[in-house]
PDB file of all heavy atoms in Angstrom:
ATOM      1  N   ILE A   1     -94.781 -19.709  48.764  1.00  0.00           N
ATOM      2  CA  ILE A   1     -96.005 -20.405  48.538  1.00  0.00           C
ATOM      3  C   ILE A   1     -97.165 -19.426  48.492  1.00  0.00           C
ATOM      4  O   ILE A   1     -97.320 -18.616  49.400  1.00  0.00           O
ATOM      5  CB  ILE A   1     -96.292 -21.455  49.642  1.00  0.00           C
ATOM      6  CG1 ILE A   1     -95.039 -22.290  49.975  1.00  0.00           C
ATOM      7  CG2 ILE A   1     -97.453 -22.377  49.280  1.00  0.00           C
ATOM      8  CD1 ILE A   1     -94.475 -23.113  48.909  1.00  0.00           C
ATOM      9  N   ILE A   2     -97.960 -19.466  47.397  1.00  0.00           N
ATOM     10  CA  ILE A   2     -98.979 -18.467  47.222  1.00  0.00           C
ATOM     11  C   ILE A   2    -100.377 -19.041  47.523  1.00  0.00           C
ATOM     12  O   ILE A   2    -101.310 -18.246  47.718  1.00  0.00           O
ATOM     13  CB  ILE A   2     -98.928 -17.792  45.876  1.00  0.00           C
ATOM     14  CG1 ILE A   2     -98.988 -18.825  44.730  1.00  0.00           C
ATOM     15  CG2 ILE A   2     -97.714 -16.930  45.716  1.00  0.00           C
ATOM     16  CD1 ILE A   2     -99.133 -18.246  43.353  1.00  0.00           C
ATOM     17  N   THR A   3    -100.559 -20.334  47.523  1.00  0.00           N
ATOM     18  CA  THR A   3    -101.861 -20.951  47.879  1.00  0.00           C
ATOM     19  C   THR A   3    -101.670 -22.227  48.662  1.00  0.00           C
ATOM     20  O   THR A   3    -100.589 -22.805  48.653  1.00  0.00           O
ATOM     21  CB  THR A   3    -102.676 -21.281  46.570  1.00  0.00           C
ATOM     22  OG1 THR A   3    -101.906 -22.195  45.782  1.00  0.00           O
ATOM     23  CG2 THR A   3    -103.067 -20.092  45.795  1.00  0.00           C
ATOM     24  N   GLY A   4    -102.762 -22.667  49.252  1.00  0.00           N
ATOM     25  CA  GLY A   4    -102.715 -23.952  50.007  1.00  0.00           C
ATOM     26  C   GLY A   4    -102.430 -23.687  51.528  1.00  0.00           C
ATOM     27  O   GLY A   4    -102.399 -22.572  51.966  1.00  0.00           O
ATOM     28  N   LYS A   5    -102.212 -24.809  52.237  1.00  0.00           N
ATOM     29  CA  LYS A   5    -102.128 -24.700  53.667  1.00  0.00           C
ATOM     30  C   LYS A   5    -100.797 -24.116  54.111  1.00  0.00           C
ATOM     31  O   LYS A   5    -100.642 -23.723  55.265  1.00  0.00           O
ATOM     32  CB  LYS A   5    -102.345 -26.062  54.362  1.00  0.00           C
ATOM     33  CG  LYS A   5    -101.294 -27.112  54.134  1.00  0.00           C
ATOM     34  CD  LYS A   5    -101.646 -28.358  54.890  1.00  0.00           C
ATOM     35  CE  LYS A   5    -100.541 -29.397  54.725  1.00  0.00           C
ATOM     36  NZ  LYS A   5    -100.873 -30.660  55.440  1.00  0.00           N
ATOM     37  N   HIS A   6     -99.827 -24.066  53.211  1.00  0.00           N
ATOM     38  CA  HIS A   6     -98.492 -23.460  53.550  1.00  0.00           C
ATOM     39  C   HIS A   6     -98.340 -22.062  52.986  1.00  0.00           C
ATOM     40  O   HIS A   6     -97.230 -21.554  52.781  1.00  0.00           O
ATOM     41  CB  HIS A   6     -97.393 -24.350  53.005  1.00  0.00           C
ATOM     42  CG  HIS A   6     -97.447 -25.717  53.586  1.00  0.00           C
ATOM     43  ND1 HIS A   6     -97.080 -25.983  54.889  1.00  0.00           N
ATOM     44  CD2 HIS A   6     -97.805 -26.884  53.020  1.00  0.00           C
ATOM     45  CE1 HIS A   6     -97.205 -27.296  55.125  1.00  0.00           C
ATOM     46  NE2 HIS A   6     -97.665 -27.842  54.052  1.00  0.00           N
ATOM     47  N   LYS A   7     -99.492 -21.360  52.682  1.00  0.00           N
ATOM     48  CA  LYS A   7     -99.522 -20.078  52.030  1.00  0.00           C
ATOM     49  C   LYS A   7     -98.661 -19.040  52.891  1.00  0.00           C
ATOM     50  O   LYS A   7     -98.807 -18.999  54.103  1.00  0.00           O
ATOM     51  CB  LYS A   7    -100.946 -19.558  51.955  1.00  0.00           C
ATOM     52  CG  LYS A   7    -101.091 -18.254  51.304  1.00  0.00           C
ATOM     53  CD  LYS A   7    -102.547 -17.808  51.224  1.00  0.00           C
ATOM     54  CE  LYS A   7    -102.710 -16.520  50.527  1.00  0.00           C
ATOM     55  NZ  LYS A   7    -104.143 -16.183  50.372  1.00  0.00           N
ATOM     56  N   GLY A   8     -97.810 -18.294  52.169  1.00  0.00           N
ATOM     57  CA  GLY A   8     -97.022 -17.264  52.834  1.00  0.00           C
ATOM     58  C   GLY A   8     -95.652 -17.731  53.264  1.00  0.00           C
ATOM     59  O   GLY A   8     -94.810 -16.906  53.577  1.00  0.00           O
ATOM     60  N   GLN A   9     -95.381 -19.035  53.314  1.00  0.00           N
ATOM     61  CA  GLN A   9     -94.106 -19.542  53.738  1.00  0.00           C
ATOM     62  C   GLN A   9     -93.120 -19.463  52.589  1.00  0.00           C
ATOM     63  O   GLN A   9     -93.492 -19.524  51.441  1.00  0.00           O
ATOM     64  CB  GLN A   9     -94.188 -20.948  54.252  1.00  0.00           C
ATOM     65  CG  GLN A   9     -95.027 -21.132  55.512  1.00  0.00           C
ATOM     66  CD  GLN A   9     -95.088 -22.575  55.988  1.00  0.00           C
ATOM     67  OE1 GLN A   9     -94.632 -23.496  55.310  1.00  0.00           O
ATOM     68  NE2 GLN A   9     -95.655 -22.744  57.163  1.00  0.00           N
ATOM     69  N   THR A  10     -91.822 -19.370  52.898  1.00  0.00           N
ATOM     70  CA  THR A  10     -90.831 -19.329  51.869  1.00  0.00           C
ATOM     71  C   THR A  10     -89.801 -20.462  52.090  1.00  0.00           C
ATOM     72  O   THR A  10     -89.668 -20.941  53.229  1.00  0.00           O
ATOM     73  CB  THR A  10     -90.042 -17.948  51.918  1.00  0.00           C
ATOM     74  OG1 THR A  10     -89.448 -17.810  53.231  1.00  0.00           O
ATOM     75  CG2 THR A  10     -90.937 -16.777  51.616  1.00  0.00           C
ATOM     76  N   GLY A  11     -89.142 -20.826  51.056  1.00  0.00           N
ATOM     77  CA  GLY A  11     -88.167 -21.909  51.131  1.00  0.00           C
ATOM     78  C   GLY A  11     -87.305 -22.013  49.861  1.00  0.00           C
ATOM     79  O   GLY A  11     -87.548 -21.269  48.919  1.00  0.00           O
ATOM     80  N   ILE A  12     -86.378 -22.921  49.900  1.00  0.00           N
ATOM     81  CA  ILE A  12     -85.489 -23.114  48.783  1.00  0.00           C
ATOM     82  C   ILE A  12     -85.863 -24.422  48.057  1.00  0.00           C
ATOM     83  O   ILE A  12     -86.130 -25.433  48.702  1.00  0.00           O
ATOM     84  CB  ILE A  12     -84.025 -23.163  49.233  1.00  0.00           C
ATOM     85  CG1 ILE A  12     -83.638 -21.800  49.881  1.00  0.00           C
ATOM     86  CG2 ILE A  12     -83.072 -23.519  48.121  1.00  0.00           C
ATOM     87  CD1 ILE A  12     -82.337 -21.779  50.577  1.00  0.00           C
ATOM     88  N   ILE A  13     -85.866 -24.419  46.736  1.00  0.00           N
ATOM     89  CA  ILE A  13     -86.236 -25.598  45.943  1.00  0.00           C
ATOM     90  C   ILE A  13     -85.156 -26.639  46.070  1.00  0.00           C
ATOM     91  O   ILE A  13     -83.980 -26.416  45.871  1.00  0.00           O
ATOM     92  CB  ILE A  13     -86.488 -25.204  44.486  1.00  0.00           C
ATOM     93  CG1 ILE A  13     -87.655 -24.323  44.355  1.00  0.00           C
ATOM     94  CG2 ILE A  13     -86.613 -26.474  43.647  1.00  0.00           C
ATOM     95  CD1 ILE A  13     -88.003 -23.875  43.000  1.00  0.00           C
ATOM     96  N   LYS A  14     -85.587 -27.876  46.472  1.00  0.00           N
ATOM     97  CA  LYS A  14     -84.695 -28.950  46.646  1.00  0.00           C
ATOM     98  C   LYS A  14     -84.688 -29.890  45.437  1.00  0.00           C
ATOM     99  O   LYS A  14     -83.626 -30.460  45.145  1.00  0.00           O
ATOM    100  CB  LYS A  14     -85.137 -29.691  47.921  1.00  0.00           C
ATOM    101  CG  LYS A  14     -84.207 -30.691  48.487  1.00  0.00           C
ATOM    102  CD  LYS A  14     -84.769 -31.184  49.800  1.00  0.00           C
ATOM    103  CE  LYS A  14     -83.851 -32.244  50.384  1.00  0.00           C
ATOM    104  NZ  LYS A  14     -84.399 -32.780  51.609  1.00  0.00           N
ATOM    105  N   ASN A  15     -85.817 -30.072  44.795  1.00  0.00           N
ATOM    106  CA  ASN A  15     -85.963 -31.054  43.713  1.00  0.00           C
ATOM    107  C   ASN A  15     -87.105 -30.578  42.803  1.00  0.00           C
ATOM    108  O   ASN A  15     -88.079 -30.001  43.286  1.00  0.00           O
ATOM    109  CB  ASN A  15     -86.206 -32.440  44.261  1.00  0.00           C
ATOM    110  CG  ASN A  15     -86.113 -33.512  43.218  1.00  0.00           C
ATOM    111  OD1 ASN A  15     -85.663 -33.243  42.110  1.00  0.00           O
ATOM    112  ND2 ASN A  15     -86.579 -34.680  43.596  1.00  0.00           N
ATOM    113  N   ILE A  16     -87.006 -30.850  41.510  1.00  0.00           N
ATOM    114  CA  ILE A  16     -88.083 -30.519  40.558  1.00  0.00           C
ATOM    115  C   ILE A  16     -88.523 -31.825  39.822  1.00  0.00           C
ATOM    116  O   ILE A  16     -87.688 -32.580  39.352  1.00  0.00           O
ATOM    117  CB  ILE A  16     -87.565 -29.555  39.486  1.00  0.00           C
ATOM    118  CG1 ILE A  16     -87.130 -28.206  40.184  1.00  0.00           C
ATOM    119  CG2 ILE A  16     -88.650 -29.218  38.480  1.00  0.00           C
ATOM    120  CD1 ILE A  16     -86.430 -27.272  39.269  1.00  0.00           C
ATOM    121  N   ILE A  17     -89.830 -32.068  39.861  1.00  0.00           N
ATOM    122  CA  ILE A  17     -90.391 -33.270  39.190  1.00  0.00           C
ATOM    123  C   ILE A  17     -91.147 -32.797  37.989  1.00  0.00           C
ATOM    124  O   ILE A  17     -92.304 -32.386  38.078  1.00  0.00           O
ATOM    125  CB  ILE A  17     -91.318 -34.046  40.191  1.00  0.00           C
ATOM    126  CG1 ILE A  17     -90.586 -34.353  41.489  1.00  0.00           C
ATOM    127  CG2 ILE A  17     -91.849 -35.323  39.538  1.00  0.00           C
ATOM    128  CD1 ILE A  17     -91.503 -34.787  42.595  1.00  0.00           C
ATOM    129  N   THR A  18     -90.495 -32.730  36.838  1.00  0.00           N
ATOM    130  CA  THR A  18     -91.068 -32.160  35.654  1.00  0.00           C
ATOM    131  C   THR A  18     -92.259 -32.998  35.047  1.00  0.00           C
ATOM    132  O   THR A  18     -93.183 -32.406  34.516  1.00  0.00           O
ATOM    133  CB  THR A  18     -90.036 -31.941  34.531  1.00  0.00           C
ATOM    134  OG1 THR A  18     -89.353 -33.180  34.284  1.00  0.00           O
ATOM    135  CG2 THR A  18     -89.033 -30.922  34.913  1.00  0.00           C
ATOM    136  N   ALA A  19     -92.230 -34.319  35.245  1.00  0.00           N
ATOM    137  CA  ALA A  19     -93.298 -35.170  34.724  1.00  0.00           C
ATOM    138  C   ALA A  19     -94.631 -34.859  35.348  1.00  0.00           C
ATOM    139  O   ALA A  19     -95.655 -35.067  34.751  1.00  0.00           O
ATOM    140  CB  ALA A  19     -92.902 -36.606  34.913  1.00  0.00           C
ATOM    141  N   LYS A  20     -94.590 -34.415  36.583  1.00  0.00           N
ATOM    142  CA  LYS A  20     -95.844 -34.124  37.353  1.00  0.00           C
ATOM    143  C   LYS A  20     -96.064 -32.670  37.628  1.00  0.00           C
ATOM    144  O   LYS A  20     -97.049 -32.338  38.363  1.00  0.00           O
ATOM    145  CB  LYS A  20     -95.855 -34.919  38.672  1.00  0.00           C
ATOM    146  CG  LYS A  20     -95.851 -36.410  38.506  1.00  0.00           C
ATOM    147  CD  LYS A  20     -95.935 -37.096  39.826  1.00  0.00           C
ATOM    148  CE  LYS A  20     -95.999 -38.633  39.680  1.00  0.00           C
ATOM    149  NZ  LYS A  20     -96.043 -39.309  40.978  1.00  0.00           N
ATOM    150  N   ASN A  21     -95.225 -31.811  37.095  1.00  0.00           N
ATOM    151  CA  ASN A  21     -95.301 -30.374  37.350  1.00  0.00           C
ATOM    152  C   ASN A  21     -95.278 -30.034  38.878  1.00  0.00           C
ATOM    153  O   ASN A  21     -96.071 -29.273  39.363  1.00  0.00           O
ATOM    154  CB  ASN A  21     -96.542 -29.778  36.722  1.00  0.00           C
ATOM    155  CG  ASN A  21     -96.430 -29.802  35.219  1.00  0.00           C
ATOM    156  OD1 ASN A  21     -95.413 -29.685  34.632  1.00  0.00           O
ATOM    157  ND2 ASN A  21     -97.611 -30.033  34.595  1.00  0.00           N
ATOM    158  N   LYS A  22     -94.395 -30.699  39.613  1.00  0.00           N
ATOM    159  CA  LYS A  22     -94.299 -30.464  41.029  1.00  0.00           C
ATOM    160  C   LYS A  22     -92.855 -30.153  41.432  1.00  0.00           C
ATOM    161  O   LYS A  22     -91.940 -30.489  40.755  1.00  0.00           O
ATOM    162  CB  LYS A  22     -94.799 -31.712  41.796  1.00  0.00           C
ATOM    163  CG  LYS A  22     -96.303 -31.973  41.588  1.00  0.00           C
ATOM    164  CD  LYS A  22     -96.760 -33.108  42.408  1.00  0.00           C
ATOM    165  CE  LYS A  22     -98.214 -33.390  42.176  1.00  0.00           C
ATOM    166  NZ  LYS A  22     -99.101 -32.577  42.967  1.00  0.00           N
ATOM    167  N   VAL A  23     -92.762 -29.485  42.632  1.00  0.00           N
ATOM    168  CA  VAL A  23     -91.430 -29.153  43.178  1.00  0.00           C
ATOM    169  C   VAL A  23     -91.423 -29.566  44.635  1.00  0.00           C
ATOM    170  O   VAL A  23     -92.444 -29.633  45.289  1.00  0.00           O
ATOM    171  CB  VAL A  23     -91.110 -27.652  43.025  1.00  0.00           C
ATOM    172  CG1 VAL A  23     -90.940 -27.250  41.612  1.00  0.00           C
ATOM    173  CG2 VAL A  23     -92.142 -26.795  43.698  1.00  0.00           C
ATOM    174  N   VAL A  24     -90.203 -29.859  45.111  1.00  0.00           N
ATOM    175  CA  VAL A  24     -90.006 -30.199  46.522  1.00  0.00           C
ATOM    176  C   VAL A  24     -89.243 -29.031  47.142  1.00  0.00           C
ATOM    177  O   VAL A  24     -88.198 -28.634  46.581  1.00  0.00           O
ATOM    178  CB  VAL A  24     -89.231 -31.507  46.701  1.00  0.00           C
ATOM    179  CG1 VAL A  24     -88.951 -31.795  48.139  1.00  0.00           C
ATOM    180  CG2 VAL A  24     -90.016 -32.672  46.084  1.00  0.00           C
ATOM    181  N   ILE A  25     -89.773 -28.477  48.207  1.00  0.00           N
ATOM    182  CA  ILE A  25     -89.201 -27.309  48.809  1.00  0.00           C
ATOM    183  C   ILE A  25     -88.741 -27.669  50.279  1.00  0.00           C
ATOM    184  O   ILE A  25     -89.422 -28.381  51.029  1.00  0.00           O
ATOM    185  CB  ILE A  25     -90.155 -26.171  48.925  1.00  0.00           C
ATOM    186  CG1 ILE A  25     -90.659 -25.825  47.485  1.00  0.00           C
ATOM    187  CG2 ILE A  25     -89.563 -24.905  49.553  1.00  0.00           C
ATOM    188  CD1 ILE A  25     -91.832 -24.878  47.438  1.00  0.00           C
ATOM    189  N   GLU A  26     -87.526 -27.242  50.644  1.00  0.00           N
ATOM    190  CA  GLU A  26     -86.975 -27.551  51.958  1.00  0.00           C
ATOM    191  C   GLU A  26     -87.862 -27.093  53.107  1.00  0.00           C
ATOM    192  O   GLU A  26     -88.358 -25.960  53.116  1.00  0.00           O
ATOM    193  CB  GLU A  26     -85.583 -26.911  52.157  1.00  0.00           C
ATOM    194  CG  GLU A  26     -84.506 -27.581  51.453  1.00  0.00           C
ATOM    195  CD  GLU A  26     -83.137 -26.953  51.714  1.00  0.00           C
ATOM    196  OE1 GLU A  26     -83.048 -26.043  52.555  1.00  0.00           O
ATOM    197  OE2 GLU A  26     -82.172 -27.324  51.022  1.00  0.00           O
ATOM    198  N   ASN A  27     -88.166 -28.007  54.021  1.00  0.00           N
ATOM    199  CA  ASN A  27     -88.951 -27.781  55.242  1.00  0.00           C
ATOM    200  C   ASN A  27     -90.350 -27.296  54.988  1.00  0.00           C
ATOM    201  O   ASN A  27     -90.944 -26.664  55.870  1.00  0.00           O
ATOM    202  CB  ASN A  27     -88.174 -26.786  56.205  1.00  0.00           C
ATOM    203  CG  ASN A  27     -86.842 -27.373  56.601  1.00  0.00           C
ATOM    204  OD1 ASN A  27     -86.668 -28.572  56.842  1.00  0.00           O
ATOM    205  ND2 ASN A  27     -85.875 -26.530  56.679  1.00  0.00           N
ATOM    206  N   ILE A  28     -90.900 -27.619  53.825  1.00  0.00           N
ATOM    207  CA  ILE A  28     -92.316 -27.258  53.547  1.00  0.00           C
ATOM    208  C   ILE A  28     -93.024 -28.565  53.167  1.00  0.00           C
ATOM    209  O   ILE A  28     -92.451 -29.419  52.518  1.00  0.00           O
ATOM    210  CB  ILE A  28     -92.444 -26.262  52.338  1.00  0.00           C
ATOM    211  CG1 ILE A  28     -91.574 -25.016  52.613  1.00  0.00           C
ATOM    212  CG2 ILE A  28     -93.859 -25.918  51.997  1.00  0.00           C
ATOM    213  CD1 ILE A  28     -92.200 -24.026  53.580  1.00  0.00           C
ATOM    214  N   ASN A  29     -94.259 -28.695  53.588  1.00  0.00           N
ATOM    215  CA  ASN A  29     -95.118 -29.902  53.317  1.00  0.00           C
ATOM    216  C   ASN A  29     -94.436 -31.179  53.866  1.00  0.00           C
ATOM    217  O   ASN A  29     -94.279 -32.134  53.132  1.00  0.00           O
ATOM    218  CB  ASN A  29     -95.381 -29.973  51.774  1.00  0.00           C
ATOM    219  CG  ASN A  29     -96.531 -30.929  51.497  1.00  0.00           C
ATOM    220  OD1 ASN A  29     -97.358 -31.213  52.354  1.00  0.00           O
ATOM    221  ND2 ASN A  29     -96.602 -31.439  50.309  1.00  0.00           N
ATOM    222  N   ILE A  30     -94.089 -31.116  55.149  1.00  0.00           N
ATOM    223  CA  ILE A  30     -93.477 -32.286  55.814  1.00  0.00           C
ATOM    224  C   ILE A  30     -94.479 -33.374  55.992  1.00  0.00           C
ATOM    225  O   ILE A  30     -95.593 -33.152  56.472  1.00  0.00           O
ATOM    226  CB  ILE A  30     -92.924 -31.886  57.188  1.00  0.00           C
ATOM    227  CG1 ILE A  30     -91.899 -30.767  57.064  1.00  0.00           C
ATOM    228  CG2 ILE A  30     -92.289 -33.049  57.891  1.00  0.00           C
ATOM    229  CD1 ILE A  30     -90.622 -31.103  56.346  1.00  0.00           C
ATOM    230  N   GLN A  31     -94.135 -34.580  55.527  1.00  0.00           N
ATOM    231  CA  GLN A  31     -94.988 -35.748  55.653  1.00  0.00           C
ATOM    232  C   GLN A  31     -94.264 -36.840  56.435  1.00  0.00           C
ATOM    233  O   GLN A  31     -93.041 -36.952  56.413  1.00  0.00           O
ATOM    234  CB  GLN A  31     -95.331 -36.277  54.232  1.00  0.00           C
ATOM    235  CG  GLN A  31     -96.095 -35.299  53.406  1.00  0.00           C
ATOM    236  CD  GLN A  31     -96.280 -35.740  52.005  1.00  0.00           C
ATOM    237  OE1 GLN A  31     -95.680 -36.723  51.535  1.00  0.00           O
ATOM    238  NE2 GLN A  31     -97.177 -35.059  51.300  1.00  0.00           N
ATOM    239  N   THR A  32     -95.061 -37.650  57.159  1.00  0.00           N
ATOM    240  CA  THR A  32     -94.496 -38.718  57.962  1.00  0.00           C
ATOM    241  C   THR A  32     -94.580 -40.014  57.226  1.00  0.00           C
ATOM    242  O   THR A  32     -95.633 -40.336  56.693  1.00  0.00           O
ATOM    243  CB  THR A  32     -95.294 -38.854  59.311  1.00  0.00           C
ATOM    244  OG1 THR A  32     -95.307 -37.587  59.959  1.00  0.00           O
ATOM    245  CG2 THR A  32     -94.661 -39.833  60.229  1.00  0.00           C
ATOM    246  N   LYS A  33     -93.438 -40.734  57.203  1.00  0.00           N
ATOM    247  CA  LYS A  33     -93.365 -42.030  56.499  1.00  0.00           C
ATOM    248  C   LYS A  33     -92.954 -43.109  57.536  1.00  0.00           C
ATOM    249  O   LYS A  33     -91.958 -42.966  58.209  1.00  0.00           O
ATOM    250  CB  LYS A  33     -92.366 -41.948  55.369  1.00  0.00           C
ATOM    251  CG  LYS A  33     -92.279 -43.197  54.534  1.00  0.00           C
ATOM    252  CD  LYS A  33     -91.329 -43.023  53.359  1.00  0.00           C
ATOM    253  CE  LYS A  33     -91.288 -44.300  52.548  1.00  0.00           C
ATOM    254  NZ  LYS A  33     -90.423 -44.180  51.410  1.00  0.00           N
ATOM    255  N   HIS A  34     -93.758 -44.176  57.598  1.00  0.00           N
ATOM    256  CA  HIS A  34     -93.444 -45.287  58.485  1.00  0.00           C
ATOM    257  C   HIS A  34     -92.741 -46.379  57.694  1.00  0.00           C
ATOM    258  O   HIS A  34     -93.214 -46.764  56.631  1.00  0.00           O
ATOM    259  CB  HIS A  34     -94.741 -45.838  59.101  1.00  0.00           C
ATOM    260  CG  HIS A  34     -95.486 -44.866  59.944  1.00  0.00           C
ATOM    261  ND1 HIS A  34     -95.403 -44.814  61.289  1.00  0.00           N
ATOM    262  CD2 HIS A  34     -96.255 -43.801  59.601  1.00  0.00           C
ATOM    263  CE1 HIS A  34     -96.087 -43.847  61.794  1.00  0.00           C
ATOM    264  NE2 HIS A  34     -96.686 -43.210  60.778  1.00  0.00           N
TER     265      HIS A  34
END
């Protein structure tokens, strides 16, 4: 990760969302869902 609050962290790509130009990375940007 080169920018944002997770800058400097590394991980493996889990999923790619091409329609939104986004990627999901293992154990990065963890969000809580109720």
